[in-house]
Amino acid sequence: MIISMKRTLFLAICGLITSTGFAQKDDVPKGWHMMDKATSGYYGLSVDKAYDFVKTKKLKSKTVIVAVIDSGIDTTHEDLRAILWKNPKEIPGNGIDDDNNGYVDDIYGWNFFGGRDGRSVEQDSYEAARVYHNLKSKYAGKEINPATLSAEDAFQYAMWKRSEKEIVGGDSKTSGLELIFLKRAYTNCLKSDSILRKALGKEKYTGKELGDFNPTETDIKKAKNTLYSLMSGNDALESTNQEFLEGFGDYVSGEEKKTEASSTAPEDYRGDIVKDNYNDFNDKFYGNPDVMASNKSALHGTHVSGIIAASRKNGVGMDGIADNVKIMMLRAVPDGDEHDKDIALAIRYAVDNGAQVINMSFGKGFSPEKKWVDDAVKYAESKNVLLVHAAGNDAKNIDTTFNYPTPVDLEGKRPSNWITVGASGDPKAGGITASFSNYGKKEVDVFAPGVKIYSTVPGGNTYQNLQGTSMASPVVAGLAAFLLEYYPNLSAAQVKTVIEKSSTKLTEKVKTPETGEMASLGDLSRTGGLANAYEAIKLASTMKGERKPVLVKPTTTVKPKRKG
């Protein structure tokens, strides 16, 4: 939720934040990501112009199912209730697998992180630690010649060596001293919050309310500056103190787990609840139908879903990009790293149940069962389903680093149905390229708005700004769905082509997220462009649709589907 937490904390700890807090940045209005540059000045998607175009063409829309593989969704939200996919072949709550697909009462989708007893996984370990400890006995202390290994084993060994470096002594690991500083900063924030709650006379307050508060007492002023500086620096002024501190606490806890991972194998959170045979991909009928789990779990997925398709017709909250979409939720992303088996099966479920677009706002640095995910991607390609993936939030070049899942399989083949999205912003919100966004001239296809994106969050009628490539990806997924609504004969490959070719090419230089150096957007992505709905729908109108199964025969590891 809070992208730059660690960096900001260390600025605070080292005394680089002034007593008056961060300098105030220019701000952007709610929904800026939908706006048109020419008419508003903001580097948005030009959504209203795109809808004006389809009106002039007198086009009627066709319903498009978009699967969201994520953390969960608030099925009661006022802006989402009307756009939820409902399995037409399943009778709610009768405890029977009415459609014989192996998943009982899968009304809104499926929870691959659930147990048959109704429990759900909410937090999980990190894949680097799982890989290191799972393969330690196989590789630790042994002389291995990668040249003698099969391609699959060579991939596994290289992955283990990377995990060893990261877990045992890598630069990316938070050191013991850094962890002490993090814990101290968190404790100071809790103390400051306690003082501020008493001074303000209420338990919950937003960052903006804190900014407007002008205490005169020294200890209260110090408490305000401590907490407000961190909330401001992390673009969390619309969050409450409780939300911010919960996110901060989760971050510290996660860093503590990473630090402990060198000596202690991670807890098997998933196995204790799901209870499948994880190593058997054909053991796939596990989980439960609870696609929400809890408000905390569902935050990310609810926000992503609203960006794609929050109702444009109810006059409340905010508008999604696409106006005739049904969201299918596939819960497979925990607080921690997702598991390859769950992702692969979620992709297959989405394809088998009619999704035409799948949004994947998640990623990790290791993929031990990549072959399962590759196989699912090929299956989606064979059925003409577009996969939209977030580039990641590490400010790294993913041409040379790792952000799984990746479109290129173990044989080096690249599918036609995959688009990777970096996060853009606006000069009034930190710059055109988001400071946290991954990039890559080969591996990032296009940039789209991902900074201060206002969308739905759990609570029934609640909204919030969040940011990340997790928000940029559903912007493009929503655009893809919009194109398919009005030009349903376009193939997945054609939709990808339309989005890329119609992207707005920039003449001005932008900041490279990792270094801050100025570069052309063409040096940071394949297209050198920002996604644009108006230009995309115009280009789509000129194309002859080719929607038919791509001639790809996936090499599957899955046995024929059994009934019941």
Protein backbone atom coordinates (compact mmCIF):
# COMPACT_ATOMS: atom_id res chain seq x y z
CA MET A 1 0.00 0.00 0.00
CA ILE A 2 2.79 2.43 0.90
CA ILE A 3 5.38 2.26 -1.83
CA SER A 4 8.31 4.31 -0.53
CA MET A 5 8.01 3.55 3.18
CA LYS A 6 11.58 2.38 3.80
CA ARG A 7 13.26 5.25 1.97
CA THR A 8 11.15 7.84 3.74
CA LEU A 9 11.75 6.28 7.13
CA PHE A 10 15.48 6.45 6.72
CA LEU A 11 15.26 10.10 5.70
CA ALA A 12 13.39 10.70 8.94
CA ILE A 13 15.78 8.66 11.05
CA CYS A 14 18.83 10.40 9.61
CA GLY A 15 17.34 13.81 10.40
CA LEU A 16 16.79 14.85 6.79
CA ILE A 17 13.16 15.81 7.32
CA THR A 18 12.82 19.37 8.56
CA SER A 19 10.84 20.30 11.63
CA THR A 20 8.03 21.54 9.40
CA GLY A 21 7.76 18.26 7.50
CA PHE A 22 7.98 17.57 3.77
CA ALA A 23 7.59 20.39 1.31
CA GLN A 24 4.09 20.24 -0.09
CA LYS A 25 3.90 18.94 -3.64
CA ASP A 26 1.39 20.13 -6.15
CA ASP A 27 -1.56 17.78 -6.09
CA VAL A 28 -3.81 16.13 -8.62
CA PRO A 29 -7.62 15.90 -8.49
CA LYS A 30 -9.45 12.69 -7.78
CA GLY A 31 -9.82 10.77 -11.01
CA TRP A 32 -6.99 12.62 -12.77
CA HIS A 33 -6.01 9.33 -14.43
CA MET A 34 -9.20 9.50 -16.53
CA MET A 35 -8.60 13.04 -17.81
CA ASP A 36 -7.37 14.33 -21.15
CA LYS A 37 -4.09 16.22 -21.36
CA ALA A 38 -5.31 18.72 -23.95
CA THR A 39 -8.42 19.76 -22.03
CA SER A 40 -7.33 19.36 -18.39
CA GLY A 41 -3.55 19.59 -18.44
CA TYR A 42 -3.22 16.20 -16.70
CA TYR A 43 -1.51 13.21 -18.31
CA GLY A 44 -4.55 10.94 -18.05
CA LEU A 45 -6.19 8.32 -20.23
CA SER A 46 -8.63 10.58 -22.17
CA VAL A 47 -11.58 8.38 -21.20
CA ASP A 48 -14.40 10.87 -21.80
CA LYS A 49 -13.11 11.58 -25.33
CA ALA A 50 -13.06 7.82 -25.96
CA TYR A 51 -16.72 7.53 -24.94
CA ASP A 52 -17.62 10.52 -27.09
CA PHE A 53 -16.02 8.67 -30.01
CA VAL A 54 -18.12 5.51 -29.56
CA LYS A 55 -21.24 7.69 -29.30
CA THR A 56 -20.50 9.32 -32.64
CA LYS A 57 -20.09 5.83 -34.12
CA LYS A 58 -23.39 4.77 -32.50
CA LEU A 59 -21.73 1.61 -31.18
CA LYS A 60 -23.39 -0.71 -28.69
CA SER A 61 -21.30 -2.44 -26.07
CA LYS A 62 -20.96 -6.15 -25.37
CA THR A 63 -20.37 -7.39 -21.83
CA VAL A 64 -16.76 -8.38 -21.18
CA ILE A 65 -15.64 -10.53 -18.25
CA VAL A 66 -12.43 -9.36 -16.60
CA ALA A 67 -10.78 -11.70 -14.11
CA VAL A 68 -8.82 -10.04 -11.31
CA ILE A 69 -6.25 -12.31 -9.69
CA ASP A 70 -5.64 -10.50 -6.43
CA SER A 71 -6.17 -10.37 -2.66
CA GLY A 72 -9.97 -10.34 -2.61
CA ILE A 73 -12.89 -7.99 -3.16
CA ASP A 74 -15.59 -6.33 -1.07
CA THR A 75 -18.70 -7.84 -2.66
CA THR A 76 -20.93 -5.40 -0.75
CA HIS A 77 -19.37 -2.19 -2.08
CA GLU A 78 -21.87 0.30 -3.50
CA ASP A 79 -19.77 0.88 -6.63
CA LEU A 80 -18.99 -2.79 -7.28
CA ARG A 81 -22.13 -4.80 -6.47
CA ALA A 82 -23.64 -4.21 -9.91
CA ILE A 83 -20.52 -5.19 -11.84
CA LEU A 84 -19.61 -8.46 -10.09
CA TRP A 85 -19.48 -11.58 -12.24
CA LYS A 86 -21.89 -14.25 -11.04
CA ASN A 87 -21.51 -17.83 -12.16
CA PRO A 88 -24.75 -18.46 -14.09
CA LYS A 89 -24.51 -22.22 -13.63
CA GLU A 90 -24.09 -22.21 -9.85
CA ILE A 91 -26.83 -21.99 -7.23
CA PRO A 92 -25.59 -19.83 -4.32
CA GLY A 93 -25.05 -21.45 -0.96
CA ASN A 94 -26.46 -24.91 -1.61
CA GLY A 95 -23.16 -26.68 -0.97
CA ILE A 96 -23.35 -28.46 -4.33
CA ASP A 97 -21.04 -28.18 -7.33
CA ASP A 98 -23.92 -27.43 -9.70
CA ASP A 99 -21.78 -26.83 -12.78
CA ASN A 100 -19.46 -29.79 -12.07
CA ASN A 101 -16.29 -27.74 -12.44
CA GLY A 102 -14.77 -28.97 -9.19
CA TYR A 103 -15.44 -25.74 -7.25
CA VAL A 104 -18.46 -25.72 -4.93
CA ASP A 105 -20.55 -22.51 -4.77
CA ASP A 106 -18.09 -20.50 -6.87
CA ILE A 107 -20.49 -17.60 -7.33
CA TYR A 108 -18.13 -14.62 -7.69
CA GLY A 109 -15.00 -16.59 -8.56
CA TRP A 110 -12.79 -18.63 -6.23
CA ASN A 111 -10.48 -18.33 -3.24
CA PHE A 112 -7.38 -20.42 -3.96
CA PHE A 113 -6.04 -19.34 -0.57
CA GLY A 114 -8.91 -20.85 1.35
CA GLY A 115 -9.50 -24.01 3.33
CA ARG A 116 -12.46 -26.35 3.23
CA ASP A 117 -13.20 -25.32 6.82
CA GLY A 118 -13.91 -21.74 5.68
CA ARG A 119 -10.64 -20.21 6.87
CA SER A 120 -8.48 -18.12 4.55
CA VAL A 121 -4.78 -17.36 4.34
CA GLU A 122 -4.16 -13.65 4.87
CA GLN A 123 -0.40 -13.40 5.37
CA ASP A 124 2.29 -15.59 3.89
CA SER A 125 6.05 -15.90 3.66
CA TYR A 126 8.38 -14.57 0.94
CA GLU A 127 9.33 -16.74 -2.01
CA ALA A 128 13.06 -16.09 -1.61
CA ALA A 129 12.96 -17.71 1.82
CA ARG A 130 10.83 -20.60 0.58
CA VAL A 131 13.19 -21.28 -2.31
CA TYR A 132 16.30 -21.05 -0.14
CA HIS A 133 15.10 -23.44 2.53
CA ASN A 134 13.29 -25.87 0.20
CA LEU A 135 16.39 -26.39 -1.97
CA LYS A 136 19.09 -25.93 0.65
CA SER A 137 19.65 -29.64 1.18
CA LYS A 138 19.89 -30.18 -2.58
CA TYR A 139 22.47 -27.51 -3.37
CA ALA A 140 24.12 -26.08 -0.23
CA GLY A 141 27.84 -26.85 0.01
CA LYS A 142 27.90 -28.85 -3.22
CA GLU A 143 29.94 -28.28 -6.35
CA ILE A 144 27.44 -27.90 -9.19
CA ASN A 145 28.34 -27.45 -12.85
CA PRO A 146 25.32 -25.72 -14.45
CA ALA A 147 26.47 -26.87 -17.90
CA THR A 148 25.66 -30.47 -16.95
CA LEU A 149 22.08 -29.67 -15.92
CA SER A 150 18.89 -29.74 -17.95
CA ALA A 151 17.34 -26.36 -18.78
CA GLU A 152 14.79 -26.78 -16.00
CA ASP A 153 17.39 -27.83 -13.40
CA ALA A 154 19.75 -25.04 -14.49
CA PHE A 155 16.93 -22.55 -13.97
CA GLN A 156 16.26 -24.01 -10.51
CA TYR A 157 19.92 -23.94 -9.49
CA ALA A 158 20.44 -20.35 -10.65
CA MET A 159 17.29 -19.36 -8.75
CA TRP A 160 18.56 -21.05 -5.58
CA LYS A 161 21.91 -19.27 -5.83
CA ARG A 162 20.09 -15.96 -6.08
CA SER A 163 17.95 -16.84 -3.06
CA GLU A 164 21.08 -17.81 -1.10
CA LYS A 165 22.63 -14.42 -1.83
CA GLU A 166 19.47 -12.56 -0.88
CA ILE A 167 18.68 -14.54 2.27
CA VAL A 168 22.15 -15.16 3.65
CA GLY A 169 24.00 -12.01 2.71
CA GLY A 170 22.43 -9.99 -0.08
CA ASP A 171 22.47 -6.22 -0.29
CA SER A 172 18.67 -6.15 -0.64
CA LYS A 173 18.21 -7.62 2.84
CA THR A 174 17.49 -5.24 5.69
CA SER A 175 20.46 -5.38 8.04
CA GLY A 176 20.14 -5.90 11.78
CA LEU A 177 21.03 -2.26 12.42
CA GLU A 178 18.51 -1.02 9.85
CA LEU A 179 15.85 -3.19 11.45
CA ILE A 180 16.59 -1.64 14.83
CA PHE A 181 16.10 1.81 13.27
CA LEU A 182 12.86 0.71 11.65
CA LYS A 183 11.46 -0.63 14.91
CA ARG A 184 12.50 2.52 16.74
CA ALA A 185 10.82 4.71 14.12
CA TYR A 186 7.63 2.66 14.36
CA THR A 187 7.62 2.92 18.15
CA ASN A 188 8.09 6.70 17.90
CA CYS A 189 5.15 6.92 15.52
CA LEU A 190 2.95 4.96 17.92
CA LYS A 191 3.91 7.30 20.77
CA SER A 192 3.26 10.35 18.59
CA ASP A 193 -0.13 8.98 17.60
CA SER A 194 -1.08 8.45 21.24
CA ILE A 195 -0.25 12.10 22.02
CA LEU A 196 -2.12 13.34 18.94
CA ARG A 197 -5.26 11.33 19.62
CA LYS A 198 -5.53 12.97 23.02
CA ALA A 199 -4.76 16.42 21.65
CA LEU A 200 -7.29 16.10 18.81
CA GLY A 201 -9.89 14.45 21.01
CA LYS A 202 -10.57 11.56 18.66
CA GLU A 203 -9.22 8.11 17.88
CA LYS A 204 -9.19 8.44 14.09
CA TYR A 205 -7.94 11.30 11.94
CA THR A 206 -6.59 11.72 8.42
CA GLY A 207 -3.23 13.06 7.34
CA LYS A 208 -4.97 16.15 5.95
CA GLU A 209 -6.66 16.80 9.29
CA LEU A 210 -3.30 16.45 10.99
CA GLY A 211 -1.82 18.97 8.54
CA ASP A 212 -4.51 21.50 9.43
CA PHE A 213 -3.89 21.02 13.16
CA ASN A 214 -1.73 23.80 14.68
CA PRO A 215 -0.74 22.91 18.25
CA THR A 216 1.30 25.27 20.43
CA GLU A 217 2.64 22.80 23.02
CA THR A 218 6.15 21.58 22.22
CA ASP A 219 5.53 17.86 22.72
CA ILE A 220 2.36 17.94 20.58
CA LYS A 221 4.12 19.93 17.83
CA LYS A 222 6.93 17.36 17.83
CA ALA A 223 4.43 14.50 17.65
CA LYS A 224 2.63 16.15 14.74
CA ASN A 225 5.85 16.73 12.81
CA THR A 226 6.99 13.13 13.32
CA LEU A 227 3.81 11.52 12.01
CA TYR A 228 2.74 14.14 9.47
CA SER A 229 6.15 14.11 7.78
CA LEU A 230 5.95 10.37 7.21
CA MET A 231 2.33 10.42 6.05
CA SER A 232 3.03 13.30 3.68
CA GLY A 233 6.18 11.73 2.29
CA ASN A 234 4.34 8.50 1.60
CA ASP A 235 1.39 10.21 -0.14
CA ALA A 236 -0.86 8.99 2.66
CA LEU A 237 -2.57 12.24 3.64
CA GLU A 238 -5.98 10.82 2.75
CA SER A 239 -5.34 7.74 4.88
CA THR A 240 -6.26 7.67 8.54
CA ASN A 241 -3.73 7.35 11.33
CA GLN A 242 -4.97 3.81 11.92
CA GLU A 243 -4.54 2.78 8.27
CA PHE A 244 -1.08 4.33 8.05
CA LEU A 245 0.20 2.81 11.26
CA GLU A 246 -1.22 -0.59 10.33
CA GLY A 247 0.64 -0.41 7.00
CA PHE A 248 3.82 0.72 8.76
CA GLY A 249 3.53 -2.12 11.27
CA ASP A 250 3.01 -4.66 8.50
CA TYR A 251 6.07 -3.32 6.71
CA VAL A 252 8.28 -3.60 9.79
CA SER A 253 6.96 -7.10 10.47
CA GLY A 254 7.74 -8.12 6.90
CA GLU A 255 11.28 -6.79 7.09
CA GLU A 256 11.76 -8.62 10.38
CA LYS A 257 10.68 -11.88 8.76
CA LYS A 258 13.09 -11.33 5.89
CA THR A 259 15.94 -10.73 8.32
CA GLU A 260 15.12 -13.89 10.29
CA ALA A 261 14.85 -16.02 7.15
CA SER A 262 18.58 -16.76 6.93
CA SER A 263 18.40 -19.05 9.95
CA THR A 264 14.74 -20.04 10.18
CA ALA A 265 12.59 -21.74 7.56
CA PRO A 266 9.41 -19.77 6.86
CA GLU A 267 6.13 -20.83 8.40
CA ASP A 268 3.86 -22.81 6.07
CA TYR A 269 0.86 -20.49 6.32
CA ARG A 270 -0.72 -21.77 3.14
CA GLY A 271 -0.25 -25.48 3.81
CA ASP A 272 -1.75 -25.21 7.30
CA ILE A 273 -5.03 -23.89 5.88
CA VAL A 274 -5.36 -25.04 2.26
CA LYS A 275 -4.16 -28.62 2.88
CA ASP A 276 -3.67 -29.65 -0.76
CA ASN A 277 -0.66 -31.59 -2.05
CA TYR A 278 1.16 -28.53 -3.32
CA ASN A 279 3.67 -30.52 -5.37
CA ASP A 280 0.91 -32.23 -7.36
CA PHE A 281 -0.51 -29.80 -9.90
CA ASN A 282 -3.41 -32.16 -10.55
CA ASP A 283 -4.52 -31.74 -6.94
CA LYS A 284 -6.36 -28.59 -7.94
CA PHE A 285 -9.83 -28.74 -6.40
CA TYR A 286 -8.99 -26.97 -3.16
CA GLY A 287 -9.92 -23.60 -1.66
CA ASN A 288 -13.32 -22.09 -0.88
CA PRO A 289 -15.76 -19.55 -2.38
CA ASP A 290 -14.98 -16.69 0.06
CA VAL A 291 -13.48 -14.09 -2.29
CA MET A 292 -13.37 -11.36 0.35
CA ALA A 293 -11.86 -13.02 3.45
CA SER A 294 -11.57 -9.71 5.37
CA ASN A 295 -11.48 -5.94 4.84
CA LYS A 296 -7.72 -5.93 5.30
CA SER A 297 -7.16 -8.72 2.79
CA ALA A 298 -9.57 -7.29 0.24
CA LEU A 299 -8.08 -3.78 0.17
CA HIS A 300 -5.81 -4.27 -2.82
CA GLY A 301 -8.20 -6.30 -4.96
CA THR A 302 -11.14 -4.00 -4.24
CA HIS A 303 -9.12 -0.96 -5.31
CA VAL A 304 -7.90 -2.67 -8.48
CA SER A 305 -11.43 -3.80 -9.41
CA GLY A 306 -12.83 -0.30 -9.02
CA ILE A 307 -10.22 1.15 -11.36
CA ILE A 308 -11.30 -1.31 -14.05
CA ALA A 309 -15.04 -1.19 -13.77
CA ALA A 310 -16.63 0.67 -10.84
CA SER A 311 -20.16 1.50 -11.97
CA ARG A 312 -20.32 4.50 -14.30
CA LYS A 313 -24.09 4.75 -14.01
CA ASN A 314 -24.87 5.10 -10.31
CA GLY A 315 -23.68 8.66 -9.63
CA VAL A 316 -21.69 7.75 -6.52
CA GLY A 317 -18.05 7.45 -5.62
CA MET A 318 -15.96 7.21 -8.77
CA ASP A 319 -16.15 5.77 -12.26
CA GLY A 320 -14.30 2.77 -13.60
CA ILE A 321 -12.78 2.86 -17.06
CA ALA A 322 -14.99 0.24 -18.72
CA ASP A 323 -18.78 0.60 -18.68
CA ASN A 324 -19.97 -2.95 -19.43
CA VAL A 325 -17.73 -5.30 -17.49
CA LYS A 326 -18.25 -8.10 -15.01
CA ILE A 327 -15.42 -8.59 -12.51
CA MET A 328 -14.49 -12.17 -11.63
CA MET A 329 -12.39 -12.29 -8.45
CA LEU A 330 -9.77 -14.99 -8.03
CA ARG A 331 -8.18 -14.71 -4.63
CA ALA A 332 -4.58 -15.92 -4.86
CA VAL A 333 -2.41 -13.04 -3.62
CA PRO A 334 -1.66 -12.86 0.14
CA ASP A 335 0.18 -10.37 2.31
CA GLY A 336 3.51 -11.87 1.28
CA ASP A 337 4.38 -13.71 -1.92
CA GLU A 338 1.86 -15.63 -4.01
CA HIS A 339 2.38 -19.29 -4.89
CA ASP A 340 2.87 -20.36 -8.51
CA LYS A 341 0.33 -23.18 -8.31
CA ASP A 342 -2.46 -20.85 -7.21
CA ILE A 343 -1.64 -18.32 -9.93
CA ALA A 344 -1.54 -20.98 -12.65
CA LEU A 345 -4.87 -22.46 -11.56
CA ALA A 346 -6.44 -19.01 -11.23
CA ILE A 347 -5.48 -18.22 -14.84
CA ARG A 348 -7.00 -21.52 -15.97
CA TYR A 349 -10.19 -20.93 -13.98
CA ALA A 350 -10.56 -17.48 -15.54
CA VAL A 351 -10.10 -18.82 -19.06
CA ASP A 352 -12.48 -21.75 -18.53
CA ASN A 353 -15.18 -19.43 -17.18
CA GLY A 354 -15.19 -16.90 -19.99
CA ALA A 355 -12.79 -14.14 -19.00
CA GLN A 356 -11.36 -12.22 -21.96
CA VAL A 357 -8.95 -10.12 -19.91
CA ILE A 358 -7.02 -11.11 -16.78
CA ASN A 359 -5.44 -8.46 -14.55
CA MET A 360 -2.39 -9.51 -12.53
CA SER A 361 -1.28 -6.78 -10.11
CA PHE A 362 1.31 -8.80 -8.24
CA GLY A 363 4.87 -9.97 -8.62
CA LYS A 364 7.88 -11.51 -6.89
CA GLY A 365 11.55 -12.16 -7.53
CA PHE A 366 11.43 -15.97 -7.62
CA SER A 367 9.23 -18.53 -9.39
CA PRO A 368 10.12 -22.13 -8.47
CA GLU A 369 7.18 -23.63 -10.39
CA LYS A 370 7.40 -21.28 -13.36
CA LYS A 371 6.60 -24.12 -15.76
CA TRP A 372 3.07 -24.33 -14.30
CA VAL A 373 2.49 -20.62 -14.86
CA ASP A 374 4.03 -20.76 -18.36
CA ASP A 375 1.67 -23.60 -19.21
CA ALA A 376 -1.33 -21.58 -18.00
CA VAL A 377 -0.21 -18.57 -20.06
CA LYS A 378 -0.05 -20.78 -23.18
CA TYR A 379 -3.52 -22.07 -22.37
CA ALA A 380 -4.82 -18.49 -22.12
CA GLU A 381 -3.14 -17.68 -25.43
CA SER A 382 -4.80 -20.65 -27.09
CA LYS A 383 -8.19 -19.30 -25.94
CA ASN A 384 -7.52 -15.66 -26.96
CA VAL A 385 -7.36 -14.24 -23.42
CA LEU A 386 -5.26 -11.13 -22.75
CA LEU A 387 -3.01 -11.06 -19.65
CA VAL A 388 -2.15 -7.65 -18.19
CA HIS A 389 0.68 -7.60 -15.62
CA ALA A 390 2.10 -4.93 -13.31
CA ALA A 391 5.79 -4.21 -13.90
CA GLY A 392 6.59 -3.97 -10.17
CA ASN A 393 7.49 -1.27 -7.67
CA ASP A 394 11.23 -1.65 -7.06
CA ALA A 395 12.42 1.16 -9.39
CA LYS A 396 14.48 -1.48 -11.22
CA ASN A 397 15.21 -2.34 -14.84
CA ILE A 398 13.40 -5.65 -15.33
CA ASP A 399 15.34 -6.29 -18.52
CA THR A 400 18.13 -7.30 -16.15
CA THR A 401 16.34 -8.09 -12.87
CA PHE A 402 13.44 -10.38 -11.98
CA ASN A 403 9.71 -9.75 -11.62
CA TYR A 404 7.67 -12.94 -11.93
CA PRO A 405 5.48 -14.01 -13.54
CA THR A 406 7.23 -13.22 -16.81
CA PRO A 407 5.93 -13.62 -20.36
CA VAL A 408 9.05 -15.42 -21.62
CA ASP A 409 8.93 -19.14 -20.87
CA LEU A 410 11.81 -21.46 -19.99
CA GLU A 411 12.39 -22.10 -23.68
CA GLY A 412 12.70 -18.39 -24.43
CA LYS A 413 9.35 -18.11 -26.22
CA ARG A 414 7.20 -15.01 -25.78
CA PRO A 415 3.37 -15.18 -26.04
CA SER A 416 1.23 -12.78 -28.07
CA ASN A 417 -1.34 -12.20 -25.32
CA TRP A 418 0.72 -10.49 -22.59
CA ILE A 419 1.23 -6.81 -21.81
CA THR A 420 3.45 -5.45 -19.00
CA VAL A 421 2.60 -2.04 -17.55
CA GLY A 422 4.78 0.54 -15.83
CA ALA A 423 3.34 3.36 -13.70
CA SER A 424 3.16 6.94 -14.90
CA GLY A 425 2.23 10.03 -12.96
CA ASP A 426 1.89 13.71 -13.69
CA PRO A 427 4.28 16.67 -13.31
CA LYS A 428 1.96 17.86 -10.52
CA ALA A 429 2.35 14.51 -8.72
CA GLY A 430 6.04 13.79 -8.75
CA GLY A 431 6.72 13.51 -12.47
CA ILE A 432 5.58 11.63 -15.57
CA THR A 433 7.34 8.43 -14.55
CA ALA A 434 6.48 7.16 -11.06
CA SER A 435 9.57 7.14 -8.86
CA PHE A 436 8.83 3.58 -7.73
CA SER A 437 8.01 2.00 -11.09
CA ASN A 438 10.05 -0.76 -12.67
CA TYR A 439 10.97 -0.13 -16.27
CA GLY A 440 12.65 -1.88 -19.20
CA LYS A 441 13.17 -1.19 -22.88
CA LYS A 442 12.45 -4.86 -23.65
CA GLU A 443 10.14 -6.00 -20.86
CA VAL A 444 7.82 -3.06 -20.10
CA ASP A 445 5.37 -2.52 -22.95
CA VAL A 446 3.62 0.70 -21.97
CA PHE A 447 3.19 3.15 -19.09
CA ALA A 448 -0.19 4.10 -17.59
CA PRO A 449 -1.35 6.19 -14.62
CA GLY A 450 -0.42 4.61 -11.30
CA VAL A 451 0.16 7.55 -8.92
CA LYS A 452 -2.55 8.74 -6.53
CA ILE A 453 -5.32 6.70 -8.12
CA TYR A 454 -8.68 7.18 -6.41
CA SER A 455 -10.78 4.03 -6.25
CA THR A 456 -12.94 1.73 -4.17
CA VAL A 457 -11.73 0.18 -0.90
CA PRO A 458 -13.52 -2.17 1.52
CA GLY A 459 -16.19 -0.68 3.74
CA GLY A 460 -19.32 -0.66 1.59
CA ASN A 461 -19.07 2.95 0.41
CA THR A 462 -15.41 3.83 0.96
CA TYR A 463 -12.77 5.22 -1.43
CA GLN A 464 -9.07 6.01 -1.19
CA ASN A 465 -5.97 7.01 -3.15
CA LEU A 466 -3.43 4.23 -3.60
CA GLN A 467 -0.49 4.00 -5.93
CA GLY A 468 1.79 1.48 -7.59
CA THR A 469 2.12 -0.41 -10.84
CA SER A 470 -0.70 -2.41 -9.21
CA MET A 471 -2.91 0.55 -10.11
CA ALA A 472 -1.40 1.11 -13.57
CA SER A 473 -2.09 -2.48 -14.63
CA PRO A 474 -5.90 -2.28 -14.10
CA VAL A 475 -5.93 1.03 -15.97
CA VAL A 476 -4.71 -0.92 -19.01
CA ALA A 477 -6.92 -3.93 -18.23
CA GLY A 478 -9.90 -1.57 -18.11
CA LEU A 479 -8.83 -0.05 -21.41
CA ALA A 480 -8.52 -3.52 -22.96
CA ALA A 481 -12.02 -4.40 -21.76
CA PHE A 482 -13.39 -1.12 -23.14
CA LEU A 483 -11.93 -1.92 -26.56
CA LEU A 484 -13.43 -5.42 -26.51
CA GLU A 485 -16.83 -4.09 -25.47
CA TYR A 486 -17.14 -2.05 -28.65
CA TYR A 487 -14.94 -4.09 -30.99
CA PRO A 488 -15.55 -7.66 -29.74
CA ASN A 489 -13.97 -9.28 -32.80
CA LEU A 490 -10.49 -8.05 -31.90
CA SER A 491 -8.14 -10.83 -30.85
CA ALA A 492 -6.07 -10.63 -27.67
CA ALA A 493 -2.99 -9.98 -29.79
CA GLN A 494 -4.79 -7.19 -31.66
CA VAL A 495 -5.88 -5.52 -28.42
CA LYS A 496 -2.27 -5.58 -27.24
CA THR A 497 -1.16 -4.08 -30.56
CA VAL A 498 -3.82 -1.36 -30.42
CA ILE A 499 -2.89 -0.29 -26.88
CA GLU A 500 0.80 -0.18 -27.73
CA LYS A 501 0.59 1.54 -31.13
CA SER A 502 -1.91 4.13 -29.93
CA SER A 503 0.07 5.10 -26.85
CA THR A 504 1.06 8.76 -26.68
CA LYS A 505 4.75 9.16 -27.52
CA LEU A 506 6.49 11.84 -25.48
CA THR A 507 9.04 14.27 -26.84
CA GLU A 508 10.12 15.50 -23.41
CA LYS A 509 12.60 13.65 -21.26
CA VAL A 510 11.46 11.82 -18.11
CA LYS A 511 13.20 10.64 -14.97
CA THR A 512 14.60 7.12 -14.87
CA PRO A 513 13.06 5.73 -11.65
CA GLU A 514 16.20 3.94 -10.45
CA THR A 515 18.72 6.74 -10.97
CA GLY A 516 16.77 9.96 -11.44
CA GLU A 517 18.66 10.58 -14.68
CA MET A 518 16.71 12.08 -17.56
CA ALA A 519 15.91 9.74 -20.46
CA SER A 520 13.37 9.28 -23.21
CA LEU A 521 10.38 7.10 -22.34
CA GLY A 522 11.49 4.97 -25.29
CA ASP A 523 14.57 4.02 -23.26
CA LEU A 524 12.34 2.83 -20.42
CA SER A 525 9.73 0.85 -22.37
CA ARG A 526 9.14 -0.86 -25.70
CA THR A 527 6.66 1.70 -26.99
CA GLY A 528 7.96 4.84 -25.33
CA GLY A 529 4.33 5.78 -24.79
CA LEU A 530 1.54 6.46 -22.28
CA ALA A 531 -1.69 4.50 -22.71
CA ASN A 532 -4.51 6.59 -24.23
CA ALA A 533 -8.10 5.38 -24.51
CA TYR A 534 -9.18 7.88 -27.16
CA GLU A 535 -6.33 7.08 -29.51
CA ALA A 536 -6.81 3.36 -28.84
CA ILE A 537 -10.51 3.28 -29.69
CA LYS A 538 -9.86 5.28 -32.87
CA LEU A 539 -7.21 2.78 -33.96
CA ALA A 540 -9.42 -0.17 -33.02
CA SER A 541 -12.14 1.18 -35.31
CA THR A 542 -9.82 0.80 -38.31
CA MET A 543 -8.92 -2.84 -37.68
CA LYS A 544 -10.52 -5.98 -39.01
CA GLY A 545 -11.15 -8.31 -36.09
CA GLU A 546 -9.36 -11.64 -35.96
CA ARG A 547 -10.89 -13.14 -32.83
CA LYS A 548 -10.41 -16.84 -33.23
CA PRO A 549 -8.33 -19.38 -31.29
CA VAL A 550 -4.61 -18.81 -31.77
CA LEU A 551 -3.01 -21.88 -33.29
CA VAL A 552 -1.10 -22.81 -30.16
CA LYS A 553 -1.26 -26.27 -28.67
CA PRO A 554 -0.25 -25.90 -25.03
CA THR A 555 2.00 -28.60 -23.60
CA THR A 556 -0.09 -29.18 -20.53
CA THR A 557 0.78 -30.92 -17.30
CA VAL A 558 -2.87 -31.12 -16.33
CA LYS A 559 -4.91 -34.28 -16.66
CA PRO A 560 -8.40 -34.08 -18.21
CA LYS A 561 -10.86 -32.34 -15.92
CA ARG A 562 -12.75 -34.71 -13.66
CA LYS A 563 -16.33 -34.17 -12.66
CA GLY A 564 -17.46 -33.28 -9.16
